[in-house]
Amino acid sequence: MYKENHYADLAIVKVTLDLHNVPYMVQDENISAIGYGTASGGSKIFVEKADFENAVKALLAGKIITEEQANDALNFGS
């Protein structure tokens, strides 16, 4: 799960995942657009477990997350 409080940033994440052909689902997508993103916990993007590594790599390639964040995500639970 990736969480975003600002609608413009959410759009960048969605485009990045689309460009890398990573399927995703968005929960509470419009909450950020109306200004309640931070108060509600933001919009959340979910990917299937099988697509997780590709999603992390896509976000890293798009400079949305840092290399440290990518490593932490990929090594989580190891």
Protein backbone atom coordinates (compact mmCIF):
# COMPACT_ATOMS: atom_id res chain seq x y z
CA MET A 1 0.00 0.00 0.00
CA TYR A 2 1.20 3.49 -0.87
CA LYS A 3 -0.52 6.45 0.78
CA GLU A 4 -0.76 9.95 -0.65
CA ASN A 5 -2.43 13.05 0.81
CA HIS A 6 -2.32 15.32 -2.24
CA TYR A 7 -4.32 14.66 -5.39
CA ALA A 8 -1.62 15.96 -7.76
CA ASP A 9 0.95 13.62 -6.23
CA LEU A 10 -1.55 10.75 -6.43
CA ALA A 11 -1.94 11.43 -10.15
CA ILE A 12 1.83 11.20 -10.64
CA VAL A 13 1.92 7.83 -8.86
CA LYS A 14 -0.95 6.52 -10.96
CA VAL A 15 0.69 7.62 -14.22
CA THR A 16 3.98 6.06 -13.16
CA LEU A 17 2.32 2.73 -12.39
CA ASP A 18 0.38 2.91 -15.66
CA LEU A 19 3.57 3.54 -17.65
CA HIS A 20 5.14 0.47 -16.06
CA ASN A 21 2.02 -1.66 -16.64
CA VAL A 22 1.49 -2.26 -12.92
CA PRO A 23 -2.19 -2.84 -12.10
CA TYR A 24 -3.48 -1.09 -8.98
CA MET A 25 -6.59 -0.11 -7.07
CA VAL A 26 -7.16 3.26 -5.41
CA GLN A 27 -9.12 3.68 -2.19
CA ASP A 28 -10.50 7.11 -1.24
CA GLU A 29 -9.17 8.65 -4.47
CA ASN A 30 -11.36 11.75 -4.39
CA ILE A 31 -10.85 12.54 -0.71
CA SER A 32 -7.54 14.24 -1.53
CA ALA A 33 -9.12 16.29 -4.32
CA ILE A 34 -11.62 17.91 -1.96
CA GLY A 35 -8.99 18.83 0.63
CA TYR A 36 -9.53 16.17 3.29
CA GLY A 37 -6.54 14.00 2.37
CA THR A 38 -4.49 14.52 5.50
CA ALA A 39 -7.46 14.42 7.87
CA SER A 40 -8.75 11.14 6.44
CA GLY A 41 -5.42 9.35 6.12
CA GLY A 42 -5.11 10.12 2.42
CA SER A 43 -5.75 8.10 -0.68
CA LYS A 44 -4.30 4.61 -0.73
CA ILE A 45 -2.97 2.67 -3.70
CA PHE A 46 -2.98 -1.11 -3.51
CA VAL A 47 -1.26 -3.64 -5.77
CA GLU A 48 -1.47 -7.41 -5.78
CA LYS A 49 1.33 -9.22 -4.00
CA ALA A 50 2.59 -10.57 -7.34
CA ASP A 51 2.95 -6.98 -8.64
CA PHE A 52 4.55 -5.51 -5.51
CA GLU A 53 8.19 -5.70 -6.62
CA ASN A 54 7.37 -4.17 -10.01
CA ALA A 55 5.40 -1.40 -8.29
CA VAL A 56 8.31 -0.56 -6.00
CA LYS A 57 10.72 -0.54 -8.93
CA ALA A 58 8.37 1.70 -10.92
CA LEU A 59 8.07 4.18 -8.04
CA LEU A 60 11.85 4.18 -7.66
CA ALA A 61 12.37 4.72 -11.41
CA GLY A 62 9.90 7.61 -11.27
CA LYS A 63 11.79 9.13 -8.33
CA ILE A 64 8.64 8.94 -6.22
CA ILE A 65 10.43 6.95 -3.54
CA THR A 66 14.09 6.86 -2.57
CA GLU A 67 16.41 3.91 -2.98
CA GLU A 68 16.36 3.46 0.80
CA GLN A 69 12.55 3.35 0.81
CA ALA A 70 12.59 0.85 -2.07
CA ASN A 71 15.09 -1.38 -0.26
CA ASP A 72 13.06 -1.18 2.95
CA ALA A 73 9.88 -2.14 1.08
CA LEU A 74 11.50 -5.02 -0.79
CA ASN A 75 13.20 -6.36 2.35
CA PHE A 76 10.15 -5.98 4.60
CA GLY A 77 9.45 -9.28 6.30
CA SER A 78 12.73 -10.86 5.19
